[in-house]
Amino acid sequence: MANLELNDEQLKVISKACELLSRIYMGQIEEVALLFSDLPEEQYQQLVDTLKSLKPIIKVTSKQSNSGIRDESIP
């Protein structure tokens, strides 16, 4: 087993990366846009819309996962 010594900033980056990855796996790919929140509003919204339109193409779920309550396939 290895031990890592990380400062608070490094821990925050790792935490945000893990949260982003989990959101992507849940199908919330528009969350990637938050990484580019400094874009002008029109470009940011275009990015969000584009990411949302990709959902049907790159819906990533593991065999152990289940659809969320907001999933379009759930009545």
C-alpha atoms as a PDB file:
ATOM      1  CA  MET A   1       0.000   0.000   0.000  1.00  0.00           C
ATOM      2  CA  ALA A   2       1.218   3.505  -0.820  1.00  0.00           C
ATOM      3  CA  ASN A   3       0.590   6.677   1.105  1.00  0.00           C
ATOM      4  CA  LEU A   4       0.200  10.050  -0.546  1.00  0.00           C
ATOM      5  CA  GLU A   5       0.683  13.375   1.106  1.00  0.00           C
ATOM      6  CA  LEU A   6      -1.633  15.928  -0.443  1.00  0.00           C
ATOM      7  CA  ASN A   7      -2.387  19.500   0.421  1.00  0.00           C
ATOM      8  CA  ASP A   8      -5.919  20.908   0.654  1.00  0.00           C
ATOM      9  CA  GLU A   9      -5.878  22.254  -2.906  1.00  0.00           C
ATOM     10  CA  GLN A  10      -4.854  18.884  -4.331  1.00  0.00           C
ATOM     11  CA  LEU A  11      -7.593  17.164  -2.327  1.00  0.00           C
ATOM     12  CA  LYS A  12     -10.180  19.618  -3.693  1.00  0.00           C
ATOM     13  CA  VAL A  13      -9.071  18.937  -7.270  1.00  0.00           C
ATOM     14  CA  ILE A  14      -9.293  15.162  -6.748  1.00  0.00           C
ATOM     15  CA  SER A  15     -12.702  15.504  -5.111  1.00  0.00           C
ATOM     16  CA  LYS A  16     -14.070  17.646  -7.951  1.00  0.00           C
ATOM     17  CA  ALA A  17     -12.653  15.250 -10.546  1.00  0.00           C
ATOM     18  CA  CYS A  18     -14.315  12.276  -8.833  1.00  0.00           C
ATOM     19  CA  GLU A  19     -17.626  14.112  -8.606  1.00  0.00           C
ATOM     20  CA  LEU A  20     -17.467  15.123 -12.269  1.00  0.00           C
ATOM     21  CA  LEU A  21     -16.672  11.588 -13.366  1.00  0.00           C
ATOM     22  CA  SER A  22     -19.534  10.164 -11.308  1.00  0.00           C
ATOM     23  CA  ARG A  23     -21.929  12.708 -12.826  1.00  0.00           C
ATOM     24  CA  ILE A  24     -20.770  11.764 -16.328  1.00  0.00           C
ATOM     25  CA  TYR A  25     -21.371   8.097 -15.533  1.00  0.00           C
ATOM     26  CA  MET A  26     -24.871   9.021 -14.330  1.00  0.00           C
ATOM     27  CA  GLY A  27     -25.539  10.670 -17.663  1.00  0.00           C
ATOM     28  CA  GLN A  28     -25.175  14.249 -16.425  1.00  0.00           C
ATOM     29  CA  ILE A  29     -22.649  15.118 -19.125  1.00  0.00           C
ATOM     30  CA  GLU A  30     -23.744  18.748 -19.243  1.00  0.00           C
ATOM     31  CA  GLU A  31     -21.886  19.126 -15.924  1.00  0.00           C
ATOM     32  CA  VAL A  32     -18.683  19.213 -17.986  1.00  0.00           C
ATOM     33  CA  ALA A  33     -19.729  22.733 -19.001  1.00  0.00           C
ATOM     34  CA  LEU A  34     -19.041  23.909 -15.446  1.00  0.00           C
ATOM     35  CA  LEU A  35     -15.345  23.572 -16.244  1.00  0.00           C
ATOM     36  CA  PHE A  36     -15.853  26.349 -18.775  1.00  0.00           C
ATOM     37  CA  SER A  37     -18.104  28.633 -16.747  1.00  0.00           C
ATOM     38  CA  ASP A  38     -15.934  31.638 -17.617  1.00  0.00           C
ATOM     39  CA  LEU A  39     -17.139  31.532 -21.230  1.00  0.00           C
ATOM     40  CA  PRO A  40     -19.465  34.285 -22.409  1.00  0.00           C
ATOM     41  CA  GLU A  41     -23.069  33.371 -21.532  1.00  0.00           C
ATOM     42  CA  GLU A  42     -24.105  32.610 -25.116  1.00  0.00           C
ATOM     43  CA  GLN A  43     -21.162  30.260 -25.693  1.00  0.00           C
ATOM     44  CA  TYR A  44     -21.643  28.628 -22.296  1.00  0.00           C
ATOM     45  CA  GLN A  45     -25.314  27.934 -23.034  1.00  0.00           C
ATOM     46  CA  GLN A  46     -24.405  26.572 -26.460  1.00  0.00           C
ATOM     47  CA  LEU A  47     -21.920  24.225 -24.790  1.00  0.00           C
ATOM     48  CA  VAL A  48     -24.544  23.051 -22.284  1.00  0.00           C
ATOM     49  CA  ASP A  49     -27.067  22.462 -25.068  1.00  0.00           C
ATOM     50  CA  THR A  50     -24.524  20.572 -27.159  1.00  0.00           C
ATOM     51  CA  LEU A  51     -23.549  18.354 -24.235  1.00  0.00           C
ATOM     52  CA  LYS A  52     -27.208  17.627 -23.495  1.00  0.00           C
ATOM     53  CA  SER A  53     -27.774  16.660 -27.118  1.00  0.00           C
ATOM     54  CA  LEU A  54     -24.982  14.085 -26.804  1.00  0.00           C
ATOM     55  CA  LYS A  55     -26.726  12.215 -23.985  1.00  0.00           C
ATOM     56  CA  PRO A  56     -28.422   9.652 -26.219  1.00  0.00           C
ATOM     57  CA  ILE A  57     -25.131   8.948 -27.962  1.00  0.00           C
ATOM     58  CA  ILE A  58     -22.815   8.575 -24.990  1.00  0.00           C
ATOM     59  CA  LYS A  59     -25.004   7.417 -22.179  1.00  0.00           C
ATOM     60  CA  VAL A  60     -22.518   5.603 -20.003  1.00  0.00           C
ATOM     61  CA  THR A  61     -23.850   3.232 -17.392  1.00  0.00           C
ATOM     62  CA  SER A  62     -22.326   0.207 -15.789  1.00  0.00           C
ATOM     63  CA  LYS A  63     -24.111  -3.107 -15.537  1.00  0.00           C
ATOM     64  CA  GLN A  64     -24.461  -2.590 -11.789  1.00  0.00           C
ATOM     65  CA  SER A  65     -26.008   0.877 -12.080  1.00  0.00           C
ATOM     66  CA  ASN A  66     -29.659   1.706 -12.299  1.00  0.00           C
ATOM     67  CA  SER A  67     -31.512   4.504 -13.993  1.00  0.00           C
ATOM     68  CA  GLY A  68     -32.210   7.546 -11.896  1.00  0.00           C
ATOM     69  CA  ILE A  69     -35.692   8.783 -11.137  1.00  0.00           C
ATOM     70  CA  ARG A  70     -35.290  11.540 -13.733  1.00  0.00           C
ATOM     71  CA  ASP A  71     -34.267   9.103 -16.466  1.00  0.00           C
ATOM     72  CA  GLU A  72     -36.423   9.509 -19.569  1.00  0.00           C
ATOM     73  CA  SER A  73     -37.005   5.749 -19.721  1.00  0.00           C
ATOM     74  CA  ILE A  74     -38.536   5.678 -16.221  1.00  0.00           C
ATOM     75  CA  PRO A  75     -42.322   6.288 -16.202  1.00  0.00           C
END
